[in-house]
């Protein structure tokens, strides 16, 4: 298996009412996040987003409105995960997407990646995330998608 690419997608899955789907990491119980994942070599970032949503939640993003925010963040890769990347790679570029789905959309998590999932109102979801980029993206939802969150 080759090294991971230091380019990833973050997909904030939310309902029209701005409830947010969070996943609990299997290798770090208590660490909650949205869908995330690295691009494969030569894979367009929107395809990465769709693939990761399907792999991590069982949701077919092609059935819903996947929005590329045309925004990215660069963050330092945690030391414990750097072995997955090539020598000297210390930072990842994360591209932000959102996916609006009905709140009752069935979710099937991958047990090797996640322990559980939960839907929370956007403010609560932002507080629960361990990642600052994920938190900031969730906090951006009301500005991007209207007054449903008021």
C-alpha atoms as a PDB file:
ATOM      1  CA  UNK A   1       0.000   0.000   0.000  1.00  0.00           C
ATOM      2  CA  UNK A   2       1.324   3.447  -0.919  1.00  0.00           C
ATOM      3  CA  UNK A   3       1.356   6.613   1.081  1.00  0.00           C
ATOM      4  CA  UNK A   4      -1.767   8.712   1.599  1.00  0.00           C
ATOM      5  CA  UNK A   5      -2.064  11.928  -0.351  1.00  0.00           C
ATOM      6  CA  UNK A   6      -1.868  15.110   1.779  1.00  0.00           C
ATOM      7  CA  UNK A   7      -5.088  16.341   0.170  1.00  0.00           C
ATOM      8  CA  UNK A   8      -8.466  15.526   1.679  1.00  0.00           C
ATOM      9  CA  UNK A   9     -12.175  16.278   1.631  1.00  0.00           C
ATOM     10  CA  UNK A  10     -14.262  17.296   4.631  1.00  0.00           C
ATOM     11  CA  UNK A  11     -17.986  16.796   4.026  1.00  0.00           C
ATOM     12  CA  UNK A  12     -20.415  18.301   6.521  1.00  0.00           C
ATOM     13  CA  UNK A  13     -23.615  16.288   6.144  1.00  0.00           C
ATOM     14  CA  UNK A  14     -26.628  18.268   7.337  1.00  0.00           C
ATOM     15  CA  UNK A  15     -30.397  18.327   7.205  1.00  0.00           C
ATOM     16  CA  UNK A  16     -32.414  21.263   5.801  1.00  0.00           C
ATOM     17  CA  UNK A  17     -32.917  22.302   9.459  1.00  0.00           C
ATOM     18  CA  UNK A  18     -29.105  22.268   9.910  1.00  0.00           C
ATOM     19  CA  UNK A  19     -28.867  19.227  12.125  1.00  0.00           C
ATOM     20  CA  UNK A  20     -25.403  17.784  11.503  1.00  0.00           C
ATOM     21  CA  UNK A  21     -24.347  14.154  11.225  1.00  0.00           C
ATOM     22  CA  UNK A  22     -21.245  13.356  13.297  1.00  0.00           C
ATOM     23  CA  UNK A  23     -19.254  10.128  13.393  1.00  0.00           C
ATOM     24  CA  UNK A  24     -17.244   8.825  16.359  1.00  0.00           C
ATOM     25  CA  UNK A  25     -13.772   7.615  15.378  1.00  0.00           C
ATOM     26  CA  UNK A  26     -13.132   3.932  16.124  1.00  0.00           C
ATOM     27  CA  UNK A  27      -9.462   4.421  16.973  1.00  0.00           C
ATOM     28  CA  UNK A  28     -10.203   7.448  19.178  1.00  0.00           C
ATOM     29  CA  UNK A  29     -13.450   6.991  21.113  1.00  0.00           C
ATOM     30  CA  UNK A  30     -14.880  10.364  22.022  1.00  0.00           C
ATOM     31  CA  UNK A  31     -13.451  12.049  18.902  1.00  0.00           C
ATOM     32  CA  UNK A  32     -16.389  13.167  16.766  1.00  0.00           C
ATOM     33  CA  UNK A  33     -16.169  14.457  13.215  1.00  0.00           C
ATOM     34  CA  UNK A  34     -17.877  14.860   9.890  1.00  0.00           C
ATOM     35  CA  UNK A  35     -16.939  12.675   6.933  1.00  0.00           C
ATOM     36  CA  UNK A  36     -13.279  13.102   5.999  1.00  0.00           C
ATOM     37  CA  UNK A  37     -10.875  11.286   3.759  1.00  0.00           C
ATOM     38  CA  UNK A  38      -7.795  11.554   1.610  1.00  0.00           C
ATOM     39  CA  UNK A  39      -7.808  11.751  -2.161  1.00  0.00           C
ATOM     40  CA  UNK A  40      -6.460   8.862  -4.127  1.00  0.00           C
ATOM     41  CA  UNK A  41      -3.765   9.587  -6.714  1.00  0.00           C
ATOM     42  CA  UNK A  42      -5.326  11.469  -9.632  1.00  0.00           C
ATOM     43  CA  UNK A  43      -8.797  11.552  -8.062  1.00  0.00           C
ATOM     44  CA  UNK A  44     -10.684  14.847  -8.372  1.00  0.00           C
ATOM     45  CA  UNK A  45     -11.529  16.225  -4.925  1.00  0.00           C
ATOM     46  CA  UNK A  46     -15.307  16.175  -5.568  1.00  0.00           C
ATOM     47  CA  UNK A  47     -15.026  12.473  -6.336  1.00  0.00           C
ATOM     48  CA  UNK A  48     -13.108  12.014  -3.090  1.00  0.00           C
ATOM     49  CA  UNK A  49     -15.975  13.693  -1.244  1.00  0.00           C
ATOM     50  CA  UNK A  50     -18.603  11.449  -2.865  1.00  0.00           C
ATOM     51  CA  UNK A  51     -16.543   8.290  -2.305  1.00  0.00           C
ATOM     52  CA  UNK A  52     -15.852   9.049   1.352  1.00  0.00           C
ATOM     53  CA  UNK A  53     -19.515   9.822   2.066  1.00  0.00           C
ATOM     54  CA  UNK A  54     -20.522   6.461   0.604  1.00  0.00           C
ATOM     55  CA  UNK A  55     -17.736   4.533   2.380  1.00  0.00           C
ATOM     56  CA  UNK A  56     -18.285   6.146   5.786  1.00  0.00           C
ATOM     57  CA  UNK A  57     -22.080   6.529   5.886  1.00  0.00           C
ATOM     58  CA  UNK A  58     -23.600   4.428   3.113  1.00  0.00           C
ATOM     59  CA  UNK A  59     -25.208   7.607   1.725  1.00  0.00           C
ATOM     60  CA  UNK A  60     -25.041   8.037  -2.060  1.00  0.00           C
ATOM     61  CA  UNK A  61     -24.059  11.713  -2.399  1.00  0.00           C
ATOM     62  CA  UNK A  62     -25.186  11.642  -6.033  1.00  0.00           C
ATOM     63  CA  UNK A  63     -28.797  11.523  -4.816  1.00  0.00           C
ATOM     64  CA  UNK A  64     -28.479  14.810  -2.922  1.00  0.00           C
ATOM     65  CA  UNK A  65     -26.992  18.292  -3.215  1.00  0.00           C
ATOM     66  CA  UNK A  66     -23.211  18.082  -2.696  1.00  0.00           C
ATOM     67  CA  UNK A  67     -21.817  21.622  -2.521  1.00  0.00           C
ATOM     68  CA  UNK A  68     -18.148  22.412  -3.060  1.00  0.00           C
ATOM     69  CA  UNK A  69     -17.493  25.445  -0.878  1.00  0.00           C
ATOM     70  CA  UNK A  70     -14.417  26.383  -2.947  1.00  0.00           C
ATOM     71  CA  UNK A  71     -12.617  26.703   0.386  1.00  0.00           C
ATOM     72  CA  UNK A  72      -9.692  24.806   1.811  1.00  0.00           C
ATOM     73  CA  UNK A  73      -7.680  24.777   5.023  1.00  0.00           C
ATOM     74  CA  UNK A  74      -4.136  23.638   5.644  1.00  0.00           C
ATOM     75  CA  UNK A  75      -3.465  21.870   8.921  1.00  0.00           C
ATOM     76  CA  UNK A  76      -0.594  20.057  10.510  1.00  0.00           C
ATOM     77  CA  UNK A  77      -0.961  16.280  10.394  1.00  0.00           C
ATOM     78  CA  UNK A  78      -0.984  14.759  13.894  1.00  0.00           C
ATOM     79  CA  UNK A  79       2.337  13.074  14.670  1.00  0.00           C
ATOM     80  CA  UNK A  80       0.629   9.732  15.259  1.00  0.00           C
ATOM     81  CA  UNK A  81      -0.734   9.749  11.691  1.00  0.00           C
ATOM     82  CA  UNK A  82       2.309  11.024   9.767  1.00  0.00           C
ATOM     83  CA  UNK A  83       3.597   7.530   9.020  1.00  0.00           C
ATOM     84  CA  UNK A  84       0.701   7.227   6.555  1.00  0.00           C
ATOM     85  CA  UNK A  85       2.187   9.991   4.389  1.00  0.00           C
ATOM     86  CA  UNK A  86       5.404  10.236   2.428  1.00  0.00           C
ATOM     87  CA  UNK A  87       8.676  11.255   4.062  1.00  0.00           C
ATOM     88  CA  UNK A  88       8.735  14.915   5.042  1.00  0.00           C
ATOM     89  CA  UNK A  89       4.981  15.446   4.644  1.00  0.00           C
ATOM     90  CA  UNK A  90       3.737  17.405   7.662  1.00  0.00           C
ATOM     91  CA  UNK A  91       0.643  19.272   6.411  1.00  0.00           C
ATOM     92  CA  UNK A  92      -2.617  18.388   4.702  1.00  0.00           C
ATOM     93  CA  UNK A  93      -4.857  20.538   2.511  1.00  0.00           C
ATOM     94  CA  UNK A  94      -8.507  19.901   3.341  1.00  0.00           C
ATOM     95  CA  UNK A  95     -11.256  20.930   0.896  1.00  0.00           C
ATOM     96  CA  UNK A  96     -14.669  21.665   2.404  1.00  0.00           C
ATOM     97  CA  UNK A  97     -17.981  20.356   1.062  1.00  0.00           C
ATOM     98  CA  UNK A  98     -21.477  20.033   2.444  1.00  0.00           C
ATOM     99  CA  UNK A  99     -24.228  17.566   1.674  1.00  0.00           C
ATOM    100  CA  UNK A 100     -27.852  18.324   2.507  1.00  0.00           C
ATOM    101  CA  UNK A 101     -29.959  15.238   3.151  1.00  0.00           C
ATOM    102  CA  UNK A 102     -33.277  14.585   4.892  1.00  0.00           C
ATOM    103  CA  UNK A 103     -32.788  14.063   8.627  1.00  0.00           C
ATOM    104  CA  UNK A 104     -34.215  10.535   8.388  1.00  0.00           C
ATOM    105  CA  UNK A 105     -31.713   9.389   5.737  1.00  0.00           C
ATOM    106  CA  UNK A 106     -30.434   5.951   6.772  1.00  0.00           C
ATOM    107  CA  UNK A 107     -26.803   5.912   7.894  1.00  0.00           C
ATOM    108  CA  UNK A 108     -24.620   2.800   7.784  1.00  0.00           C
ATOM    109  CA  UNK A 109     -21.223   3.393   9.363  1.00  0.00           C
ATOM    110  CA  UNK A 110     -18.067   1.446   8.644  1.00  0.00           C
ATOM    111  CA  UNK A 111     -17.179  -0.329  11.933  1.00  0.00           C
ATOM    112  CA  UNK A 112     -13.471  -0.271  11.091  1.00  0.00           C
ATOM    113  CA  UNK A 113     -13.587   3.540  10.995  1.00  0.00           C
ATOM    114  CA  UNK A 114     -16.393   4.599  13.326  1.00  0.00           C
ATOM    115  CA  UNK A 115     -18.083   3.419  16.509  1.00  0.00           C
ATOM    116  CA  UNK A 116     -21.325   5.338  16.212  1.00  0.00           C
ATOM    117  CA  UNK A 117     -23.090   8.302  14.663  1.00  0.00           C
ATOM    118  CA  UNK A 118     -25.335  11.060  15.952  1.00  0.00           C
ATOM    119  CA  UNK A 119     -27.395  13.922  14.543  1.00  0.00           C
ATOM    120  CA  UNK A 120     -27.072  17.173  16.491  1.00  0.00           C
ATOM    121  CA  UNK A 121     -28.210  20.771  15.999  1.00  0.00           C
ATOM    122  CA  UNK A 122     -25.377  22.682  14.313  1.00  0.00           C
ATOM    123  CA  UNK A 123     -24.236  24.583  17.422  1.00  0.00           C
ATOM    124  CA  UNK A 124     -23.970  21.379  19.483  1.00  0.00           C
ATOM    125  CA  UNK A 125     -22.254  19.556  16.632  1.00  0.00           C
ATOM    126  CA  UNK A 126     -19.627  22.298  16.333  1.00  0.00           C
ATOM    127  CA  UNK A 127     -18.790  22.055  20.033  1.00  0.00           C
ATOM    128  CA  UNK A 128     -18.515  18.253  19.872  1.00  0.00           C
ATOM    129  CA  UNK A 129     -15.971  18.184  16.991  1.00  0.00           C
ATOM    130  CA  UNK A 130     -12.323  17.665  17.881  1.00  0.00           C
ATOM    131  CA  UNK A 131     -11.106  19.285  14.643  1.00  0.00           C
ATOM    132  CA  UNK A 132     -11.003  23.072  14.396  1.00  0.00           C
ATOM    133  CA  UNK A 133     -11.542  22.952  10.622  1.00  0.00           C
ATOM    134  CA  UNK A 134     -14.626  20.788  11.089  1.00  0.00           C
ATOM    135  CA  UNK A 135     -15.925  23.081  13.845  1.00  0.00           C
ATOM    136  CA  UNK A 136     -15.427  26.171  11.699  1.00  0.00           C
ATOM    137  CA  UNK A 137     -17.198  24.579   8.722  1.00  0.00           C
ATOM    138  CA  UNK A 138     -20.212  23.667  10.865  1.00  0.00           C
ATOM    139  CA  UNK A 139     -20.342  27.197  12.277  1.00  0.00           C
ATOM    140  CA  UNK A 140     -20.473  28.468   8.687  1.00  0.00           C
ATOM    141  CA  UNK A 141     -23.625  26.471   7.828  1.00  0.00           C
ATOM    142  CA  UNK A 142     -26.226  29.114   8.853  1.00  0.00           C
ATOM    143  CA  UNK A 143     -24.516  31.817   6.817  1.00  0.00           C
ATOM    144  CA  UNK A 144     -24.404  29.606   3.739  1.00  0.00           C
ATOM    145  CA  UNK A 145     -27.780  27.901   4.019  1.00  0.00           C
ATOM    146  CA  UNK A 146     -30.132  30.426   5.538  1.00  0.00           C
ATOM    147  CA  UNK A 147     -32.199  31.210   8.590  1.00  0.00           C
ATOM    148  CA  UNK A 148     -33.333  27.629   9.293  1.00  0.00           C
ATOM    149  CA  UNK A 149     -30.781  27.593  12.118  1.00  0.00           C
ATOM    150  CA  UNK A 150     -32.090  30.645  13.971  1.00  0.00           C
END
